Amino acid sequence: MENVKNSILLEAVLKALYTVAGRRISSRFADKTIGSTIKTLEETYDFLKYVIIDDQSISRSSFHVDISSAIDYVEPIRIGKAIESIIRVVYTDLDENAGLYFIAELKKYAGDEITSEIINHDVDLAQLQVEQHHFFRRLERKKSLSDKDDHTPEKEREAVNTLGYTWGNVSSWRT
């Protein structure tokens, strides 16, 4: 397989991210999330200044990004680190809307060639997927606990250890 230029790779990743994020939230919010992520990461990855997202494309129900060919001269490892950071920030920004299969869908919409190039740029998509699954499960547990707290009487909300003691009944014990 011939190496894909950095500009083409980054554009394909951003479009795949937009498609996946747009399925979970509004297109406008997906555009804003990706755009603000790129602006934020410009401090770390100065070459992201060559990425321009067309704000007017949302009104046409499409996502358009212009990437200068100057980015093609950046080391592939740096591009890979930027791609990894963009993916992490976007799925974190989406919070519970990201869902369990965010990375799997990203790979699907990016396609096999782009996915292989992402991996060739030293991005560990399998690790990102594991992290994303942990992130999703943590959000689900947090949500479940908050739902339980909303329906549990005040006395039952007190933490109970594995032996069944609560601070309320232990604090009144005498020695």
Foldseek 3Di string as FASTA:
>chain_A
DDADFLQVLVVLLLQLQLVLVCVLDPSLVSLVQLVVLLVVCCVVVVQSVQKDWDNCVVVVVGTDIGGDSVSSPDDLLSSLVSSLSSLVSSLVVCQLSCDLCNLVSSDVSSDDVSVVNSVVSVHDSVVVSVVSNVSNVVSVVVVVLVVVVVVDPPVVNFDADPVGDGCVVVVPDDD
